[in-house]
């Protein structure tokens, strides 16, 4: 069974941020989850982490949702991954060099002096990976996606989000109208004496 350094949360976050980068208006968690067939509760937790990291902003209300907190050119992939999956490392050294059968209870100094060569090698690999992830932005990913996706898909996606937003707003207006009709004329909510 394969194991990955970054989990599903990293993938969900990057895909969701690509959706947000293509829109100026806020997108609800429900719409983001529905559009991508993702679990809404899990996505909400991810977006909360991204908000705490300053990568997205949230607004409330029927037209509320999430927007990017800064331009996609200023959101490094590394920052997204660090927000969603903090403290991930490529390698965890268990210092097994101390436990060779030939050493018995007292490993010789040469075997344990300094950093483990394997650990050092893996730290160098991790630094290279982190530098690469820091050099790539959400805008870079967006350009790659736009090169691959047909223009019709991009238009259809925009229309889908616009329709969802309009339906939410219309539903809110219908709900407010129904409450008003139940109160009758001259009755105000939150009236102060």
Protein backbone atom coordinates (compact mmCIF):
# COMPACT_ATOMS: atom_id res chain seq x y z
CA UNK A 1 0.00 0.00 0.00
CA UNK A 2 1.35 3.40 -0.97
CA UNK A 3 1.75 6.21 1.50
CA UNK A 4 2.13 9.85 0.59
CA UNK A 5 3.88 12.75 2.23
CA UNK A 6 0.83 14.99 1.85
CA UNK A 7 -2.69 13.70 2.31
CA UNK A 8 -6.03 14.29 0.65
CA UNK A 9 -6.35 17.60 2.48
CA UNK A 10 -3.49 19.05 0.44
CA UNK A 11 -5.13 17.96 -2.81
CA UNK A 12 -8.54 19.30 -1.73
CA UNK A 13 -6.97 22.61 -0.72
CA UNK A 14 -5.07 23.12 -3.97
CA UNK A 15 -8.06 22.22 -6.16
CA UNK A 16 -10.36 24.48 -4.13
CA UNK A 17 -7.91 27.37 -4.30
CA UNK A 18 -7.74 26.96 -8.09
CA UNK A 19 -11.54 27.31 -8.18
CA UNK A 20 -11.36 30.43 -6.00
CA UNK A 21 -8.57 31.90 -8.13
CA UNK A 22 -10.90 31.84 -11.14
CA UNK A 23 -13.65 33.83 -9.37
CA UNK A 24 -13.87 37.34 -8.00
CA UNK A 25 -16.98 36.71 -5.89
CA UNK A 26 -17.04 34.51 -2.76
CA UNK A 27 -17.75 30.80 -3.19
CA UNK A 28 -19.55 28.86 -0.47
CA UNK A 29 -18.07 25.73 1.06
CA UNK A 30 -21.18 23.86 -0.05
CA UNK A 31 -20.68 24.90 -3.68
CA UNK A 32 -16.95 24.11 -3.61
CA UNK A 33 -17.66 20.69 -2.14
CA UNK A 34 -20.54 19.92 -4.51
CA UNK A 35 -18.62 21.04 -7.61
CA UNK A 36 -15.68 18.78 -6.77
CA UNK A 37 -17.62 15.92 -5.11
CA UNK A 38 -15.73 16.44 -1.84
CA UNK A 39 -16.93 15.93 1.74
CA UNK A 40 -18.26 19.33 2.82
CA UNK A 41 -17.33 19.06 6.52
CA UNK A 42 -13.73 18.07 5.74
CA UNK A 43 -13.43 20.85 3.17
CA UNK A 44 -14.77 23.36 5.71
CA UNK A 45 -11.97 22.37 8.11
CA UNK A 46 -9.38 22.78 5.37
CA UNK A 47 -10.69 26.23 4.44
CA UNK A 48 -10.59 27.24 8.10
CA UNK A 49 -6.89 26.30 8.20
CA UNK A 50 -6.28 28.26 4.99
CA UNK A 51 -8.06 31.26 6.50
CA UNK A 52 -5.93 31.09 9.66
CA UNK A 53 -2.85 31.02 7.42
CA UNK A 54 -4.03 34.19 5.66
CA UNK A 55 -4.53 32.51 2.29
CA UNK A 56 -8.32 32.95 2.06
CA UNK A 57 -10.90 35.32 3.56
CA UNK A 58 -14.40 34.36 4.59
CA UNK A 59 -17.57 36.39 4.42
CA UNK A 60 -20.98 35.50 5.78
CA UNK A 61 -24.45 35.76 4.35
CA UNK A 62 -26.30 34.41 1.37
CA UNK A 63 -23.67 35.82 -0.99
CA UNK A 64 -20.84 34.91 1.37
CA UNK A 65 -18.18 32.28 1.13
CA UNK A 66 -14.45 32.25 0.57
CA UNK A 67 -12.18 34.32 -1.66
CA UNK A 68 -8.41 34.40 -2.00
CA UNK A 69 -6.80 36.72 0.54
CA UNK A 70 -4.13 37.75 -1.95
CA UNK A 71 -3.44 37.32 -5.65
CA UNK A 72 -2.64 33.76 -6.80
CA UNK A 73 0.82 34.94 -7.85
CA UNK A 74 1.54 35.56 -4.16
CA UNK A 75 0.33 32.20 -2.82
CA UNK A 76 3.12 29.65 -2.87
CA UNK A 77 2.21 25.97 -3.05
CA UNK A 78 4.50 25.46 -0.06
CA UNK A 79 2.36 27.87 2.02
CA UNK A 80 -0.81 25.95 1.14
CA UNK A 81 0.72 22.62 2.10
CA UNK A 82 2.15 24.04 5.33
CA UNK A 83 -1.28 25.41 6.29
CA UNK A 84 -3.14 22.17 5.57
CA UNK A 85 -0.54 19.58 6.61
CA UNK A 86 1.81 21.35 9.02
CA UNK A 87 4.98 19.74 10.32
CA UNK A 88 5.27 17.14 7.56
CA UNK A 89 8.76 15.83 7.00
CA UNK A 90 10.14 13.65 4.28
CA UNK A 91 12.06 11.42 6.67
CA UNK A 92 12.10 10.57 10.36
CA UNK A 93 15.46 9.24 11.57
CA UNK A 94 15.15 6.55 14.27
CA UNK A 95 18.93 6.40 14.90
CA UNK A 96 19.12 2.70 14.10
CA UNK A 97 22.85 3.15 13.50
CA UNK A 98 23.25 2.77 17.29
CA UNK A 99 21.81 -0.75 17.29
CA UNK A 100 24.14 -2.81 15.06
CA UNK A 101 24.59 -6.37 16.33
CA UNK A 102 28.38 -5.93 16.13
CA UNK A 103 28.37 -3.00 18.57
CA UNK A 104 26.66 -4.63 21.52
CA UNK A 105 25.57 -2.11 24.16
CA UNK A 106 28.27 0.45 23.31
CA UNK A 107 28.40 1.68 19.69
CA UNK A 108 31.81 3.08 18.73
CA UNK A 109 32.15 6.85 18.44
CA UNK A 110 32.71 6.83 14.68
CA UNK A 111 29.27 5.24 14.16
CA UNK A 112 27.28 7.80 16.15
CA UNK A 113 29.34 10.99 15.84
CA UNK A 114 27.63 13.74 13.87
CA UNK A 115 24.42 13.44 11.95
CA UNK A 116 23.47 10.12 10.40
CA UNK A 117 24.55 10.15 6.73
CA UNK A 118 21.15 8.81 5.63
CA UNK A 119 19.39 11.48 7.65
CA UNK A 120 21.63 14.18 6.15
CA UNK A 121 20.91 12.89 2.63
CA UNK A 122 17.16 12.95 3.29
CA UNK A 123 17.33 16.48 4.78
CA UNK A 124 19.00 17.69 1.57
CA UNK A 125 16.25 16.05 -0.49
CA UNK A 126 13.59 17.66 1.70
CA UNK A 127 15.19 21.11 1.35
CA UNK A 128 15.17 20.71 -2.44
CA UNK A 129 11.51 19.68 -2.37
CA UNK A 130 10.54 22.61 -0.11
CA UNK A 131 12.44 25.07 -2.30
CA UNK A 132 10.65 23.73 -5.37
CA UNK A 133 7.24 24.00 -3.67
CA UNK A 134 8.08 27.54 -2.51
CA UNK A 135 9.02 28.51 -6.07
CA UNK A 136 5.65 27.46 -7.51
CA UNK A 137 2.51 29.51 -6.99
CA UNK A 138 -1.21 29.02 -7.29
CA UNK A 139 -0.98 31.13 -10.47
CA UNK A 140 1.50 28.60 -11.91
CA UNK A 141 -0.92 25.77 -11.20
CA UNK A 142 -3.78 27.79 -12.65
CA UNK A 143 -1.91 28.39 -15.90
CA UNK A 144 -1.15 24.67 -16.17
CA UNK A 145 -4.81 23.83 -15.60
CA UNK A 146 -6.04 26.41 -18.11
CA UNK A 147 -3.70 24.98 -20.76
CA UNK A 148 -5.21 21.54 -20.22
CA UNK A 149 -8.90 22.34 -19.69
CA UNK A 150 -11.07 23.03 -22.74
CA UNK A 151 -12.43 26.57 -22.96
CA UNK A 152 -15.98 25.17 -22.82
CA UNK A 153 -15.29 23.60 -19.41
CA UNK A 154 -14.06 26.93 -18.04
CA UNK A 155 -17.23 28.67 -19.31
CA UNK A 156 -19.47 25.88 -17.98
CA UNK A 157 -17.79 26.04 -14.57
CA UNK A 158 -18.30 29.80 -14.39
CA UNK A 159 -21.97 29.41 -15.35
CA UNK A 160 -22.43 26.67 -12.75
CA UNK A 161 -21.11 28.87 -9.93
CA UNK A 162 -23.14 31.87 -11.10
CA UNK A 163 -26.32 29.76 -11.18
CA UNK A 164 -25.70 28.40 -7.68
CA UNK A 165 -25.09 31.91 -6.36
CA UNK A 166 -28.28 33.21 -8.01
CA UNK A 167 -30.34 30.30 -6.67
CA UNK A 168 -29.07 30.94 -3.13
CA UNK A 169 -29.94 34.62 -3.39
CA UNK A 170 -33.38 33.86 -4.82
CA UNK A 171 -34.01 31.32 -2.06
CA UNK A 172 -33.07 33.90 0.57
CA UNK A 173 -35.47 36.43 -0.99
CA UNK A 174 -38.29 33.84 -1.02
CA UNK A 175 -37.61 32.93 2.62
CA UNK A 176 -37.56 36.59 3.70
CA UNK A 177 -40.77 37.22 1.76
CA UNK A 178 -42.50 34.27 3.43
CA UNK A 179 -41.50 35.49 6.90
CA UNK A 180 -42.75 38.96 6.09
CA UNK A 181 -46.09 37.60 4.86
CA UNK A 182 -46.54 35.58 8.08
CA UNK A 183 -45.96 38.65 10.27
CA UNK A 184 -48.56 40.67 8.47
CA UNK A 185 -48.54 44.39 7.72
CA UNK A 186 -47.00 46.78 10.20
CA UNK A 187 -45.17 44.09 12.24
CA UNK A 188 -41.43 44.61 12.39
CA UNK A 189 -38.75 42.23 13.55
CA UNK A 190 -36.23 43.46 16.10
CA UNK A 191 -38.31 46.50 16.93
CA UNK A 192 -36.94 48.41 19.91
CA UNK A 193 -39.11 50.10 22.53
